[in-house]
Amino acid sequence: MSNGFARDLLAWYDQHGRHDLPWHHNRNAYRVWVSEIMLQQTQVTTVIPYFEAFMRRFPDVAALAAAPEDDVLSHWSGLGYYARARNLQKAARAVVNDFGGEFPDDQEQLESLTGIGRSTAAAILAQAFGKRAAILDGNVKRVLARYHAVPGWPGQTSVLKTLWHHAEQHTPHERVRDYTQAIMDLGAMVCTRSRPACEQCPLQRDCTAYANNEMKLNPGSKPKKAKPEKTTWMLILEDGEGRIMLERRPPSGIWGGLWSLPELDPALTPEELSDACEQAFGFNCSDAELISGFRHTFSHYHLHIQPARLSVTLNDGIADRDDQRWLHRDEALTLGLPAPIRSLLTNPEQSTLL
């Protein structure tokens, strides 16, 4: 097959593609890598300010490797999927310790780094080193699934294998850096999930989905199942100095390693919170003042968060621990916090329910 696909795509990219994204400047493997991890399941417009702030604080892989984890998580707060931030730092330390501070230009060695899969490694090779390597992120999957009318959900092994075959087939030997950006741009800007702008697409002529008016069929959707609902009390415990108590969450699981508000059993009634708080933490607590609750959705469940504010009296003061701190709000906001907790602490004077 002649590679008219790449030719037409590159011609479109030269006129309409994105040529001035922040990671295009001073392009190197570190900047490409960080951008690729941030862009996973997050739109470019959202990522740009995070990327720029991250680069100011961690300008190179050595700076990221040496930074305190709390600092890294703080700069990631709001992007979600916090395991990616921890994996990012783990991989940075491996680059420093195992590769002399220089990213390898080899697919297998890149994939040996925590959090780097086949497509991310290929993006680094193509974007940073100019090597021919096929990528297959979400945008590319959508373009190829429609162009070749590949049925089924891309999360299925057989579907993914077919898409990788097409990705390898279309990746050119020249201008691979531009090509990888072009196909990502096409998926993000033209071949969008809903309402694709087919009349503007350079691949329209040979696109099977367009020819059969089946753009909505491919790629197939992930089989749906109802997300479970969970509930928790989150406590804003405030001492006489206006400090609040934060707890570090376990390193694995939801919000792993981040600082959050202490929680109590959702089966407790509002009237039982004060006694439960005293039993759990060992200091005197006032009656609970309820703050407007809200729902936060994770990838696999919905969490109903019911905040409650309680004033506490510390018996002879309680020293900070590795997993527990008393902080003023401005201090707390410098830590790695989950987005809903950051929002709650930023806007503490919400209307109360009681």
Protein backbone atom coordinates (compact mmCIF):
# COMPACT_ATOMS: atom_id res chain seq x y z
CA MET A 1 0.00 0.00 0.00
CA SER A 2 1.35 3.42 -0.90
CA ASN A 3 1.44 5.77 2.04
CA GLY A 4 -0.99 8.34 0.71
CA PHE A 5 -2.41 8.34 4.23
CA ALA A 6 0.73 9.95 5.68
CA ARG A 7 1.16 12.25 2.68
CA ASP A 8 -2.36 13.66 2.92
CA LEU A 9 -2.19 13.91 6.68
CA LEU A 10 1.11 15.81 6.63
CA ALA A 11 -0.18 18.21 3.99
CA TRP A 12 -3.13 18.99 6.27
CA TYR A 13 -0.85 19.33 9.29
CA ASP A 14 1.37 21.86 7.54
CA GLN A 15 -1.62 24.16 7.13
CA HIS A 16 -3.86 23.36 10.08
CA GLY A 17 -1.91 21.46 12.75
CA ARG A 18 -0.67 22.68 16.11
CA HIS A 19 2.96 23.79 15.79
CA ASP A 20 3.42 25.91 18.90
CA LEU A 21 2.54 23.75 21.91
CA PRO A 22 4.77 24.33 24.96
CA TRP A 23 6.47 20.93 24.67
CA HIS A 24 7.46 21.77 21.10
CA HIS A 25 9.86 24.40 22.48
CA ASN A 26 13.27 23.25 23.71
CA ARG A 27 12.05 19.80 22.71
CA ASN A 28 13.79 16.94 24.44
CA ALA A 29 12.87 13.52 25.77
CA TYR A 30 12.07 14.82 29.26
CA ARG A 31 9.63 17.48 28.06
CA VAL A 32 8.00 15.12 25.57
CA TRP A 33 7.64 12.43 28.23
CA VAL A 34 6.03 14.71 30.83
CA SER A 35 3.61 16.09 28.24
CA GLU A 36 2.63 12.59 27.10
CA ILE A 37 1.88 11.44 30.65
CA MET A 38 -0.13 14.60 31.37
CA LEU A 39 -2.08 14.26 28.13
CA GLN A 40 -3.33 10.78 28.94
CA GLN A 41 -7.11 11.22 29.22
CA THR A 42 -6.72 15.01 29.55
CA GLN A 43 -7.22 17.69 26.89
CA VAL A 44 -4.40 19.87 25.62
CA THR A 45 -5.99 23.11 26.83
CA THR A 46 -6.18 21.72 30.36
CA VAL A 47 -2.63 20.37 30.30
CA ILE A 48 -0.82 23.50 29.07
CA PRO A 49 -0.83 25.51 32.34
CA TYR A 50 0.03 22.40 34.36
CA PHE A 51 2.91 21.58 32.02
CA GLU A 52 4.31 25.10 32.15
CA ALA A 53 4.15 25.23 35.97
CA PHE A 54 5.68 21.74 36.19
CA MET A 55 8.58 22.75 33.96
CA ARG A 56 9.25 25.88 35.98
CA ARG A 57 9.51 23.81 39.15
CA PHE A 58 11.14 20.69 37.67
CA PRO A 59 13.06 21.91 34.58
CA ASP A 60 14.84 18.60 33.98
CA VAL A 61 14.78 14.98 34.96
CA ALA A 62 17.35 15.47 37.74
CA ALA A 63 15.19 18.13 39.39
CA LEU A 64 12.15 15.86 39.28
CA ALA A 65 14.10 12.91 40.66
CA ALA A 66 15.43 14.94 43.59
CA ALA A 67 12.18 16.69 44.54
CA PRO A 68 10.08 15.81 47.60
CA GLU A 69 7.10 13.65 46.64
CA ASP A 70 4.70 16.17 48.21
CA ASP A 71 6.02 18.84 45.86
CA VAL A 72 5.47 16.63 42.82
CA LEU A 73 1.95 15.69 43.90
CA SER A 74 1.13 19.34 44.61
CA HIS A 75 2.07 20.29 41.04
CA TRP A 76 -0.02 17.38 39.76
CA SER A 77 -3.08 18.22 41.86
CA GLY A 78 -6.07 18.70 39.57
CA LEU A 79 -4.87 16.40 36.78
CA GLY A 80 -6.13 13.29 38.56
CA TYR A 81 -4.74 9.76 38.28
CA TYR A 82 -2.14 10.55 40.93
CA ALA A 83 -0.37 7.22 40.49
CA ARG A 84 0.94 8.72 37.27
CA ALA A 85 2.72 11.47 39.19
CA ARG A 86 4.31 8.95 41.56
CA ASN A 87 5.31 6.76 38.61
CA LEU A 88 6.71 9.82 36.87
CA GLN A 89 9.07 10.49 39.73
CA LYS A 90 9.97 6.81 40.06
CA ALA A 91 10.89 6.72 36.36
CA ALA A 92 12.86 9.98 36.69
CA ARG A 93 14.95 8.44 39.45
CA ALA A 94 15.58 5.37 37.28
CA VAL A 95 16.73 7.61 34.41
CA VAL A 96 19.16 9.35 36.78
CA ASN A 97 20.38 6.20 38.51
CA ASP A 98 20.36 3.66 35.67
CA PHE A 99 20.86 5.77 32.53
CA GLY A 100 23.16 8.53 33.72
CA GLY A 101 20.44 11.16 33.59
CA GLU A 102 19.81 10.69 29.86
CA PHE A 103 16.68 9.09 28.43
CA PRO A 104 17.47 5.98 26.37
CA ASP A 105 16.59 6.12 22.67
CA ASP A 106 15.52 2.48 22.62
CA GLN A 107 11.92 1.23 22.74
CA GLU A 108 12.56 -1.66 25.10
CA GLN A 109 14.61 0.41 27.53
CA LEU A 110 12.01 3.18 27.56
CA GLU A 111 9.26 0.65 28.27
CA SER A 112 11.31 -0.62 31.22
CA LEU A 113 10.66 2.70 32.97
CA THR A 114 7.65 2.81 35.31
CA GLY A 115 4.54 4.23 33.65
CA ILE A 116 5.86 4.17 30.09
CA GLY A 117 4.00 1.85 27.73
CA ARG A 118 4.40 1.07 24.07
CA SER A 119 2.71 4.20 22.70
CA THR A 120 4.37 6.61 25.14
CA ALA A 121 7.78 5.12 24.42
CA ALA A 122 7.11 5.49 20.69
CA ALA A 123 6.05 9.11 21.13
CA ILE A 124 9.34 9.86 22.92
CA LEU A 125 11.34 8.14 20.19
CA ALA A 126 9.51 9.97 17.41
CA GLN A 127 9.10 13.39 19.00
CA ALA A 128 12.42 13.68 20.83
CA PHE A 129 14.76 11.52 18.76
CA GLY A 130 13.14 11.61 15.32
CA LYS A 131 13.06 7.81 15.13
CA ARG A 132 10.35 5.95 13.24
CA ALA A 133 7.97 4.59 15.87
CA ALA A 134 4.21 4.07 15.67
CA ILE A 135 2.00 5.64 18.33
CA LEU A 136 -1.50 4.62 19.35
CA ASP A 137 -3.07 6.98 21.84
CA GLY A 138 -6.82 7.53 22.14
CA ASN A 139 -6.98 10.04 19.29
CA VAL A 140 -5.03 7.77 16.95
CA LYS A 141 -7.20 4.77 17.83
CA ARG A 142 -10.29 6.74 16.83
CA VAL A 143 -8.82 7.90 13.50
CA LEU A 144 -7.66 4.42 12.52
CA ALA A 145 -10.81 2.64 13.74
CA ARG A 146 -12.92 4.88 11.52
CA TYR A 147 -10.58 4.96 8.53
CA HIS A 148 -10.34 1.16 8.41
CA ALA A 149 -13.78 0.43 9.95
CA VAL A 150 -12.28 -1.64 12.75
CA PRO A 151 -15.22 -2.88 14.86
CA GLY A 152 -15.18 -3.35 18.59
CA TRP A 153 -13.84 -1.61 21.69
CA PRO A 154 -10.10 -0.79 21.45
CA GLY A 155 -9.60 -2.19 24.94
CA GLN A 156 -10.12 -5.68 23.53
CA THR A 157 -6.88 -7.47 22.69
CA SER A 158 -7.87 -8.45 19.14
CA VAL A 159 -9.08 -4.93 18.30
CA LEU A 160 -5.95 -3.36 19.76
CA LYS A 161 -3.74 -5.73 17.77
CA THR A 162 -5.48 -4.71 14.54
CA LEU A 163 -5.12 -1.02 15.32
CA TRP A 164 -1.42 -1.45 16.08
CA HIS A 165 -1.02 -3.14 12.70
CA HIS A 166 -2.57 -0.14 10.95
CA ALA A 167 -0.54 2.30 13.04
CA GLU A 168 2.69 0.58 12.04
CA GLN A 169 1.58 0.43 8.40
CA HIS A 170 0.87 4.15 8.11
CA THR A 171 3.84 5.56 10.04
CA PRO A 172 6.25 7.04 7.47
CA HIS A 173 10.03 6.86 7.48
CA GLU A 174 10.40 10.61 7.00
CA ARG A 175 8.96 13.50 8.99
CA VAL A 176 7.95 11.06 11.72
CA ARG A 177 8.01 13.82 14.35
CA ASP A 178 5.47 15.85 12.35
CA TYR A 179 3.44 12.76 11.49
CA THR A 180 2.94 11.70 15.12
CA GLN A 181 1.79 15.21 16.03
CA ALA A 182 -0.39 15.37 12.91
CA ILE A 183 -2.36 12.21 13.61
CA MET A 184 -2.89 13.22 17.25
CA ASP A 185 -4.06 16.66 16.09
CA LEU A 186 -6.44 15.16 13.54
CA GLY A 187 -8.12 13.05 16.21
CA ALA A 188 -8.32 15.95 18.64
CA MET A 189 -9.42 18.65 16.19
CA VAL A 190 -11.28 16.95 13.31
CA CYS A 191 -11.99 13.26 13.91
CA THR A 192 -13.52 13.97 17.29
CA ARG A 193 -15.50 11.54 19.42
CA SER A 194 -18.80 13.24 18.68
CA ARG A 195 -19.65 15.36 15.65
CA PRO A 196 -16.48 14.71 13.64
CA ALA A 197 -15.78 17.42 11.05
CA CYS A 198 -15.53 15.00 8.14
CA GLU A 199 -15.79 17.74 5.51
CA GLN A 200 -12.49 19.14 6.83
CA CYS A 201 -10.70 15.80 7.01
CA PRO A 202 -7.78 15.18 4.64
CA LEU A 203 -8.43 11.42 4.85
CA GLN A 204 -12.11 11.61 3.93
CA ARG A 205 -11.72 10.23 0.41
CA ASP A 206 -10.54 6.79 1.58
CA CYS A 207 -12.22 6.66 5.00
CA THR A 208 -14.45 3.59 5.22
CA ALA A 209 -16.58 4.98 8.05
CA TYR A 210 -17.29 8.15 6.05
CA ALA A 211 -18.13 6.20 2.91
CA ASN A 212 -20.68 4.11 4.84
CA ASN A 213 -21.85 6.92 7.13
CA GLU A 214 -20.77 4.85 10.14
CA MET A 215 -18.68 7.36 12.07
CA LYS A 216 -20.72 6.71 15.21
CA LEU A 217 -20.06 2.97 15.08
CA ASN A 218 -16.28 3.05 15.33
CA PRO A 219 -14.48 2.82 17.57
CA GLY A 220 -16.80 0.66 19.62
CA SER A 221 -17.69 1.73 23.14
CA LYS A 222 -16.46 0.12 26.31
CA PRO A 223 -19.14 -2.20 27.68
CA LYS A 224 -21.01 -0.26 30.32
CA LYS A 225 -21.80 -1.38 33.81
CA ALA A 226 -23.32 0.67 36.58
CA LYS A 227 -20.79 2.34 38.86
CA PRO A 228 -21.28 1.58 42.54
CA GLU A 229 -22.14 4.43 44.91
CA LYS A 230 -20.12 5.02 48.08
CA THR A 231 -20.48 7.58 50.86
CA THR A 232 -18.08 9.01 53.44
CA TRP A 233 -17.91 11.65 56.16
CA MET A 234 -14.97 14.03 55.64
CA LEU A 235 -14.01 16.03 58.69
CA ILE A 236 -12.70 19.57 58.77
CA LEU A 237 -11.19 19.47 62.26
CA GLU A 238 -10.14 22.97 63.29
CA ASP A 239 -8.17 23.90 66.40
CA GLY A 240 -8.12 27.17 68.31
CA GLU A 241 -5.38 28.57 66.06
CA GLY A 242 -7.42 28.03 62.90
CA ARG A 243 -5.36 25.04 61.79
CA ILE A 244 -6.95 21.96 60.22
CA MET A 245 -5.86 18.37 60.41
CA LEU A 246 -4.77 16.54 57.27
CA GLU A 247 -3.87 12.87 56.91
CA ARG A 248 -1.66 11.32 54.28
CA ARG A 249 -3.46 8.54 52.44
CA PRO A 250 -1.82 5.13 51.94
CA PRO A 251 0.60 4.97 48.99
CA SER A 252 -1.66 2.69 46.96
CA GLY A 253 -5.33 3.04 46.15
CA ILE A 254 -7.48 6.10 45.52
CA TRP A 255 -5.56 9.36 46.01
CA GLY A 256 -2.55 7.31 47.05
CA GLY A 257 0.12 9.36 48.83
CA LEU A 258 -1.93 12.58 48.79
CA TRP A 259 -2.99 14.58 51.82
CA SER A 260 -6.69 14.53 52.56
CA LEU A 261 -9.23 15.14 55.30
CA PRO A 262 -9.83 12.43 57.90
CA GLU A 263 -12.88 10.25 57.28
CA LEU A 264 -15.41 8.47 59.44
CA ASP A 265 -17.92 5.67 58.90
CA PRO A 266 -20.79 6.93 56.71
CA ALA A 267 -23.27 4.99 58.84
CA LEU A 268 -22.78 7.48 61.70
CA THR A 269 -25.47 10.07 62.25
CA PRO A 270 -24.51 13.77 62.49
CA GLU A 271 -25.20 13.63 66.23
CA GLU A 272 -22.71 10.76 66.63
CA LEU A 273 -19.81 12.49 64.88
CA SER A 274 -18.50 14.35 67.91
CA ASP A 275 -18.16 11.21 70.05
CA ALA A 276 -16.78 9.19 67.13
CA CYS A 277 -14.21 11.90 66.48
CA GLU A 278 -13.06 11.86 70.11
CA GLN A 279 -12.77 8.07 70.06
CA ALA A 280 -10.86 8.05 66.77
CA PHE A 281 -8.43 10.89 67.45
CA GLY A 282 -8.34 11.39 71.21
CA PHE A 283 -9.31 15.02 71.56
CA ASN A 284 -12.46 16.90 72.50
CA CYS A 285 -14.69 17.80 69.56
CA SER A 286 -17.62 20.16 69.27
CA ASP A 287 -20.92 19.19 67.72
CA ALA A 288 -20.65 18.80 63.95
CA GLU A 289 -21.62 21.59 61.58
CA LEU A 290 -22.57 20.06 58.24
CA ILE A 291 -21.40 21.64 54.99
CA SER A 292 -23.07 21.07 51.65
CA GLY A 293 -22.16 17.64 50.35
CA PHE A 294 -21.16 16.75 46.81
CA ARG A 295 -20.42 13.78 44.58
CA HIS A 296 -17.02 13.01 43.06
CA THR A 297 -16.76 10.42 40.29
CA PHE A 298 -13.78 8.10 39.95
CA SER A 299 -13.19 5.79 37.02
CA HIS A 300 -14.92 2.90 38.76
CA TYR A 301 -17.30 4.37 41.37
CA HIS A 302 -19.12 7.49 42.57
CA LEU A 303 -18.20 8.88 45.98
CA HIS A 304 -20.70 11.01 47.90
CA ILE A 305 -18.68 13.27 50.20
CA GLN A 306 -20.41 14.78 53.20
CA PRO A 307 -18.11 17.32 54.89
CA ALA A 308 -18.52 18.26 58.53
CA ARG A 309 -16.73 21.00 60.46
CA LEU A 310 -15.83 20.39 64.11
CA SER A 311 -13.89 22.57 66.51
CA VAL A 312 -11.37 20.60 68.57
CA THR A 313 -9.47 21.08 71.79
CA LEU A 314 -6.03 19.50 71.74
CA ASN A 315 -4.94 18.03 75.06
CA ASP A 316 -1.49 19.51 75.63
CA GLY A 317 -1.18 19.83 71.87
CA ILE A 318 -0.61 16.94 69.48
CA ALA A 319 2.64 16.79 67.56
CA ASP A 320 2.61 16.30 63.82
CA ARG A 321 3.34 12.79 62.56
CA ASP A 322 4.60 11.57 59.21
CA ASP A 323 1.02 10.76 58.22
CA GLN A 324 -0.79 13.56 60.07
CA ARG A 325 -0.32 17.35 60.17
CA TRP A 326 -2.03 20.43 61.60
CA LEU A 327 -1.81 23.26 59.06
CA HIS A 328 -3.33 26.62 58.27
CA ARG A 329 -5.29 26.53 55.02
CA ASP A 330 -2.66 28.44 53.02
CA GLU A 331 -0.06 25.91 54.16
CA ALA A 332 -2.35 22.98 53.38
CA LEU A 333 -2.91 24.23 49.84
CA THR A 334 0.82 23.89 49.08
CA LEU A 335 0.60 20.11 49.55
CA GLY A 336 -0.52 17.47 47.11
CA LEU A 337 -4.29 17.43 47.64
CA PRO A 338 -7.05 15.66 45.70
CA ALA A 339 -8.94 18.18 43.57
CA PRO A 340 -12.23 17.99 45.53
CA ILE A 341 -10.40 18.46 48.84
CA ARG A 342 -8.47 21.43 47.45
CA SER A 343 -11.75 22.95 46.29
CA LEU A 344 -13.37 22.36 49.68
CA LEU A 345 -10.49 24.01 51.55
CA THR A 346 -10.34 26.90 49.10
CA ASN A 347 -14.05 27.61 49.61
CA PRO A 348 -14.64 26.71 53.27
CA GLU A 349 -17.61 29.03 53.81
CA GLN A 350 -20.12 27.00 51.88
CA SER A 351 -23.71 27.22 53.01
CA THR A 352 -24.34 24.88 55.90
CA LEU A 353 -27.07 22.30 55.99
CA LEU A 354 -27.77 22.56 59.72
